[in-house]
Amino acid sequence: EVPADLADRASLETERNFLLRIRDRERKLIAKIDEALKKIENGTYGICELCGREIEEERLKARPVASYCIECKRKLEAMEKLQRR
């Protein structure tokens, strides 16, 4: 049996790591929102950073911070998947 203080410490560490991951995700999302606002200001919002075509309206509704059209995003994800192997 694990002593209570070790179990408590493990539980606190798990919770701390979870909160850090949430904060990191929030920080990344804020950066993406800031980037999207800059694109709105300079007139490039909704333009795919890879191919230069317009990002589909439905995609922007679902993910307003999208930087790539769905085709380019799928290609990037496929390349990332291959690199992880």
Protein backbone atom coordinates (compact mmCIF):
# COMPACT_ATOMS: atom_id res chain seq x y z
CA GLU A 1 0.00 0.00 0.00
CA VAL A 2 1.25 3.51 -0.86
CA PRO A 3 1.64 5.85 2.10
CA ALA A 4 -0.97 8.63 2.10
CA ASP A 5 1.54 11.46 1.76
CA LEU A 6 3.10 9.85 -1.34
CA ALA A 7 -0.34 9.34 -2.87
CA ASP A 8 -1.26 12.94 -2.05
CA ARG A 9 1.99 14.18 -3.55
CA ALA A 10 1.41 12.15 -6.73
CA SER A 11 -2.14 13.46 -6.98
CA LEU A 12 -0.98 17.06 -6.55
CA GLU A 13 1.75 16.57 -9.16
CA THR A 14 -0.76 15.13 -11.63
CA GLU A 15 -3.12 18.04 -11.04
CA ARG A 16 -0.27 20.55 -11.39
CA ASN A 17 0.82 19.03 -14.71
CA PHE A 18 -2.76 19.10 -15.96
CA LEU A 19 -3.12 22.80 -15.08
CA LEU A 20 0.19 23.59 -16.77
CA ARG A 21 -0.98 21.87 -19.96
CA ILE A 22 -4.23 23.86 -19.88
CA ARG A 23 -2.35 27.14 -19.40
CA ASP A 24 0.00 26.27 -22.25
CA ARG A 25 -2.96 25.57 -24.55
CA GLU A 26 -4.59 28.84 -23.50
CA ARG A 27 -1.37 30.75 -24.16
CA LYS A 28 -1.09 29.20 -27.63
CA LEU A 29 -4.73 29.98 -28.41
CA ILE A 30 -4.28 33.62 -27.35
CA ALA A 31 -1.25 33.87 -29.65
CA LYS A 32 -3.32 32.45 -32.54
CA ILE A 33 -6.13 34.92 -31.81
CA ASP A 34 -3.64 37.80 -31.80
CA GLU A 35 -2.27 36.55 -35.12
CA ALA A 36 -5.79 36.36 -36.59
CA LEU A 37 -6.52 39.93 -35.44
CA LYS A 38 -3.33 41.16 -37.13
CA LYS A 39 -4.40 39.41 -40.32
CA ILE A 40 -7.78 41.13 -40.13
CA GLU A 41 -6.01 44.49 -39.77
CA ASN A 42 -3.70 43.91 -42.75
CA GLY A 43 -6.36 42.29 -44.95
CA THR A 44 -4.92 38.78 -45.08
CA TYR A 45 -7.41 37.05 -42.78
CA GLY A 46 -8.95 33.98 -44.36
CA ILE A 47 -6.09 33.44 -46.80
CA CYS A 48 -4.25 30.11 -46.61
CA GLU A 49 -0.62 30.63 -45.62
CA LEU A 50 0.47 27.69 -47.77
CA CYS A 51 -1.38 27.94 -51.09
CA GLY A 52 -2.69 31.52 -50.96
CA ARG A 53 -6.30 30.54 -51.67
CA GLU A 54 -9.23 31.65 -49.55
CA ILE A 55 -9.98 29.49 -46.53
CA GLU A 56 -13.52 28.13 -46.70
CA GLU A 57 -16.08 30.13 -44.72
CA GLU A 58 -17.34 26.99 -42.96
CA ARG A 59 -13.80 26.23 -41.80
CA LEU A 60 -13.37 29.75 -40.44
CA LYS A 61 -16.70 29.51 -38.65
CA ALA A 62 -15.59 26.26 -37.03
CA ARG A 63 -12.02 27.43 -36.37
CA PRO A 64 -11.65 31.23 -36.65
CA VAL A 65 -7.89 31.05 -36.03
CA ALA A 66 -7.27 28.68 -38.98
CA SER A 67 -4.21 29.62 -41.02
CA TYR A 68 -4.60 26.95 -43.70
CA CYS A 69 -7.38 25.78 -45.99
CA ILE A 70 -8.59 22.28 -45.25
CA GLU A 71 -6.63 20.73 -48.13
CA CYS A 72 -3.32 22.23 -47.00
CA LYS A 73 -4.02 21.39 -43.36
CA ARG A 74 -4.63 17.75 -44.28
CA LYS A 75 -1.37 17.68 -46.26
CA LEU A 76 0.55 19.19 -43.33
CA GLU A 77 -0.96 16.70 -40.90
CA ALA A 78 -0.08 13.80 -43.21
CA MET A 79 3.52 15.03 -43.44
CA GLU A 80 3.71 15.40 -39.65
CA LYS A 81 2.37 11.88 -39.23
CA LEU A 82 5.05 10.51 -41.57
CA GLN A 83 7.80 12.40 -39.74
CA ARG A 84 6.73 10.89 -36.40
CA ARG A 85 7.36 7.35 -37.66
